[in-house]
């Protein structure tokens, strides 16, 4: 008897579940269908965008940037930045091929050129539009941003970029130690003596054999920090 009741209860539960499912579908079938169609449409659109727009754009961008890179290597900075009339410079490449790797790299080169020309505001604008997963290149970009901000009297912001450059890649002992040392000096200039001391101590601990560690020891003494205080 209990077996029959159990079976009946199960059947009722199943019927109720089916009824609820039907009610749910009746209420939400159209939105679900629309959303599903939208997902498919977006996925298809992305594939079209990637294969028929971004792909060729990447190729053209890579072709365009090679000439500008040659000018940069030759120290022909104006031609590298603005082009030669037939070949585009980094500024035009960054704009024309926006969203591509070539455009991203063009921002880096343009920022480096503006920094050398002491046009610090434009250097900042270009370098802040650049990003990469290559830690050595990214740390170089952040160091240049540090230089640019220090030259526009935004000392603390410049120091923060030196610090970012110095903490991005622990395995790069030389570059990281040098950037941490720069950050410490910049923080002191910005009136942040405690922060400067903190970074100098971290530098000595992380990279004790580096040239910068020896400089940090002298700097700490000048700041009045003796031993391991």
Protein backbone atom coordinates (compact mmCIF):
# COMPACT_ATOMS: atom_id res chain seq x y z
CA UNK A 1 0.00 0.00 0.00
CA UNK A 2 2.78 2.35 0.92
CA UNK A 3 4.39 1.41 -2.38
CA UNK A 4 1.25 2.52 -4.25
CA UNK A 5 1.09 5.79 -2.35
CA UNK A 6 4.75 6.44 -3.05
CA UNK A 7 4.26 5.80 -6.74
CA UNK A 8 1.21 8.03 -6.83
CA UNK A 9 3.09 10.81 -5.03
CA UNK A 10 5.93 10.52 -7.49
CA UNK A 11 3.51 10.66 -10.40
CA UNK A 12 1.84 13.75 -8.98
CA UNK A 13 5.23 15.41 -8.53
CA UNK A 14 6.14 14.60 -12.11
CA UNK A 15 2.86 15.95 -13.39
CA UNK A 16 3.32 19.12 -11.33
CA UNK A 17 6.90 19.51 -12.62
CA UNK A 18 5.72 19.12 -16.22
CA UNK A 19 2.93 21.63 -15.62
CA UNK A 20 5.39 24.13 -14.11
CA UNK A 21 7.76 23.65 -17.01
CA UNK A 22 4.96 24.26 -19.49
CA UNK A 23 3.84 27.34 -17.60
CA UNK A 24 7.39 28.66 -17.52
CA UNK A 25 7.89 28.03 -21.23
CA UNK A 26 4.54 29.59 -22.02
CA UNK A 27 5.51 32.75 -20.16
CA UNK A 28 9.14 33.02 -21.22
CA UNK A 29 9.47 31.16 -24.52
CA UNK A 30 9.64 34.34 -26.59
CA UNK A 31 12.29 36.11 -24.46
CA UNK A 32 14.36 32.90 -24.31
CA UNK A 33 14.11 32.49 -28.07
CA UNK A 34 15.06 36.11 -28.64
CA UNK A 35 18.03 35.89 -26.26
CA UNK A 36 19.20 32.61 -27.79
CA UNK A 37 18.95 34.13 -31.25
CA UNK A 38 20.82 37.21 -30.09
CA UNK A 39 23.66 35.09 -28.66
CA UNK A 40 23.94 33.20 -31.94
CA UNK A 41 23.81 36.44 -33.91
CA UNK A 42 26.50 38.05 -31.75
CA UNK A 43 28.72 34.98 -31.97
CA UNK A 44 28.32 34.88 -35.73
CA UNK A 45 28.90 38.60 -35.98
CA UNK A 46 32.08 38.32 -33.93
CA UNK A 47 33.42 35.60 -36.23
CA UNK A 48 32.64 37.71 -39.28
CA UNK A 49 34.23 40.75 -37.63
CA UNK A 50 37.34 38.76 -36.66
CA UNK A 51 37.84 36.92 -39.95
CA UNK A 52 36.75 39.51 -42.48
CA UNK A 53 37.57 42.80 -40.76
CA UNK A 54 40.15 42.48 -37.98
CA UNK A 55 42.21 39.83 -39.78
CA UNK A 56 42.88 41.91 -42.94
CA UNK A 57 43.21 45.05 -40.81
CA UNK A 58 45.91 43.37 -38.70
CA UNK A 59 47.79 42.36 -41.83
CA UNK A 60 47.64 45.84 -43.34
CA UNK A 61 48.64 47.38 -40.01
CA UNK A 62 51.68 45.13 -39.74
CA UNK A 63 52.70 46.04 -43.27
CA UNK A 64 52.25 49.77 -42.60
CA UNK A 65 54.23 49.86 -39.36
CA UNK A 66 57.37 48.25 -40.75
CA UNK A 67 58.43 51.40 -42.62
CA UNK A 68 57.85 53.61 -39.59
CA UNK A 69 59.94 51.22 -37.50
CA UNK A 70 62.77 51.53 -40.02
CA UNK A 71 62.70 55.32 -39.70
CA UNK A 72 62.71 54.98 -35.91
CA UNK A 73 65.76 52.69 -36.05
CA UNK A 74 67.50 55.25 -38.26
CA UNK A 75 66.71 57.98 -35.71
CA UNK A 76 64.52 59.78 -38.26
CA UNK A 77 61.97 60.60 -35.59
CA UNK A 78 59.78 63.05 -37.53
CA UNK A 79 59.39 60.63 -40.43
CA UNK A 80 58.69 57.78 -38.04
CA UNK A 81 56.05 59.82 -36.24
CA UNK A 82 54.33 61.58 -39.16
CA UNK A 83 55.24 59.50 -42.23
CA UNK A 84 57.01 60.46 -45.44
CA UNK A 85 54.06 61.26 -47.68
CA UNK A 86 53.68 57.76 -49.03
CA UNK A 87 54.29 55.60 -45.95
CA UNK A 88 52.27 56.28 -42.81
CA UNK A 89 53.88 57.28 -39.52
CA UNK A 90 53.04 55.95 -36.08
CA UNK A 91 50.35 58.56 -35.42
CA UNK A 92 48.36 57.69 -38.54
CA UNK A 93 48.86 53.95 -37.99
CA UNK A 94 47.50 54.21 -34.45
CA UNK A 95 44.39 55.96 -35.77
CA UNK A 96 43.82 54.05 -39.02
CA UNK A 97 44.36 50.58 -37.57
CA UNK A 98 42.78 51.18 -34.18
CA UNK A 99 42.14 47.93 -32.30
CA UNK A 100 45.03 46.05 -33.89
CA UNK A 101 48.38 45.01 -32.45
CA UNK A 102 50.09 47.35 -34.90
CA UNK A 103 48.11 50.33 -33.59
CA UNK A 104 48.91 49.38 -30.00
CA UNK A 105 52.62 49.20 -30.81
CA UNK A 106 52.41 52.50 -32.69
CA UNK A 107 51.28 54.17 -29.45
CA UNK A 108 54.42 52.87 -27.75
CA UNK A 109 56.75 54.18 -30.45
CA UNK A 110 54.94 57.52 -30.66
CA UNK A 111 55.19 57.93 -26.90
CA UNK A 112 58.91 57.21 -26.96
CA UNK A 113 59.42 59.78 -29.73
CA UNK A 114 57.43 62.48 -27.95
CA UNK A 115 59.43 61.82 -24.79
CA UNK A 116 62.70 62.32 -26.68
CA UNK A 117 61.27 65.52 -28.13
CA UNK A 118 60.38 66.64 -24.58
CA UNK A 119 56.72 66.87 -25.54
CA UNK A 120 55.67 65.27 -22.29
CA UNK A 121 51.90 65.67 -22.49
CA UNK A 122 51.71 63.92 -25.84
CA UNK A 123 54.13 61.27 -24.59
CA UNK A 124 51.78 60.56 -21.69
CA UNK A 125 48.75 60.43 -23.99
CA UNK A 126 50.36 57.90 -26.31
CA UNK A 127 51.96 55.70 -23.66
CA UNK A 128 48.78 55.47 -21.60
CA UNK A 129 47.03 54.06 -24.69
CA UNK A 130 49.60 51.25 -24.86
CA UNK A 131 49.47 47.91 -23.05
CA UNK A 132 51.06 44.51 -23.49
CA UNK A 133 51.52 41.19 -21.71
CA UNK A 134 55.25 41.33 -22.52
CA UNK A 135 56.53 42.41 -19.10
CA UNK A 136 59.84 43.89 -20.25
CA UNK A 137 58.14 46.09 -22.83
CA UNK A 138 55.37 47.11 -20.44
CA UNK A 139 57.87 48.01 -17.73
CA UNK A 140 59.75 50.14 -20.28
CA UNK A 141 56.51 51.95 -21.15
CA UNK A 142 55.77 52.58 -17.47
CA UNK A 143 59.29 53.86 -16.90
CA UNK A 144 58.85 56.31 -19.78
CA UNK A 145 55.55 57.39 -18.26
CA UNK A 146 57.41 57.96 -15.01
CA UNK A 147 59.91 60.16 -16.83
CA UNK A 148 57.15 62.11 -18.54
CA UNK A 149 55.12 62.72 -15.38
CA UNK A 150 58.22 63.75 -13.42
CA UNK A 151 58.92 66.31 -16.15
CA UNK A 152 55.41 67.76 -15.86
CA UNK A 153 55.79 68.25 -12.10
CA UNK A 154 53.43 65.38 -11.26
CA UNK A 155 56.12 63.85 -9.09
CA UNK A 156 54.05 61.38 -7.11
CA UNK A 157 52.38 60.00 -10.22
CA UNK A 158 55.77 59.68 -11.89
CA UNK A 159 57.06 57.81 -8.84
CA UNK A 160 54.07 55.44 -8.95
CA UNK A 161 54.87 54.50 -12.56
CA UNK A 162 58.51 53.85 -11.69
CA UNK A 163 57.26 51.63 -8.87
CA UNK A 164 54.93 49.73 -11.20
CA UNK A 165 57.81 49.22 -13.62
CA UNK A 166 60.02 47.98 -10.79
CA UNK A 167 57.54 45.44 -9.45
CA UNK A 168 56.22 43.98 -12.69
CA UNK A 169 58.86 41.32 -13.28
CA UNK A 170 60.87 40.04 -10.29
CA UNK A 171 63.06 37.90 -12.54
CA UNK A 172 64.41 40.92 -14.40
CA UNK A 173 66.88 41.88 -11.68
CA UNK A 174 68.72 44.68 -13.44
CA UNK A 175 65.72 46.59 -14.80
CA UNK A 176 63.51 46.04 -11.77
CA UNK A 177 66.18 47.15 -9.29
CA UNK A 178 66.95 50.26 -11.34
CA UNK A 179 63.27 51.19 -11.56
CA UNK A 180 62.74 50.66 -7.84
CA UNK A 181 65.69 52.95 -7.14
CA UNK A 182 64.22 55.59 -9.44
CA UNK A 183 60.87 55.22 -7.70
CA UNK A 184 62.47 55.76 -4.30
CA UNK A 185 64.24 58.92 -5.45
CA UNK A 186 61.04 60.20 -7.06
CA UNK A 187 59.00 59.57 -3.91
CA UNK A 188 61.54 61.51 -1.87
CA UNK A 189 61.29 64.42 -4.31
CA UNK A 190 57.50 64.21 -3.96
CA UNK A 191 57.90 64.53 -0.19
CA UNK A 192 57.13 60.86 0.54
CA UNK A 193 60.20 59.96 2.59
CA UNK A 194 58.61 56.94 4.28
CA UNK A 195 57.61 55.46 0.92
CA UNK A 196 61.10 56.09 -0.43
CA UNK A 197 62.61 54.29 2.58
CA UNK A 198 60.22 51.37 2.18
CA UNK A 199 61.20 50.86 -1.48
CA UNK A 200 64.92 51.15 -0.79
CA UNK A 201 64.66 48.46 1.88
CA UNK A 202 62.65 46.24 -0.46
CA UNK A 203 65.27 46.79 -3.17
CA UNK A 204 68.11 45.70 -0.86
CA UNK A 205 66.17 42.63 0.22
CA UNK A 206 65.08 41.50 -3.25
CA UNK A 207 68.19 42.34 -5.25
CA UNK A 208 71.11 42.39 -2.76
CA UNK A 209 73.72 41.79 -5.47
CA UNK A 210 72.51 44.50 -7.82
CA UNK A 211 74.32 47.80 -8.40
CA UNK A 212 71.15 49.58 -7.33
CA UNK A 213 71.27 47.83 -3.93
CA UNK A 214 74.64 49.47 -3.22
CA UNK A 215 73.20 52.83 -4.20
CA UNK A 216 70.18 52.14 -1.99
CA UNK A 217 72.48 51.58 1.01
CA UNK A 218 74.05 55.01 0.54
CA UNK A 219 70.68 56.61 -0.08
CA UNK A 220 69.24 55.12 3.13
CA UNK A 221 72.19 56.52 5.08
CA UNK A 222 71.52 59.94 3.57
CA UNK A 223 67.90 59.65 4.62
CA UNK A 224 69.07 58.91 8.15
CA UNK A 225 68.19 55.19 8.10
CA UNK A 226 70.97 53.13 9.67
CA UNK A 227 71.36 49.37 9.34
CA UNK A 228 68.07 47.47 9.18
CA UNK A 229 65.89 50.01 10.90
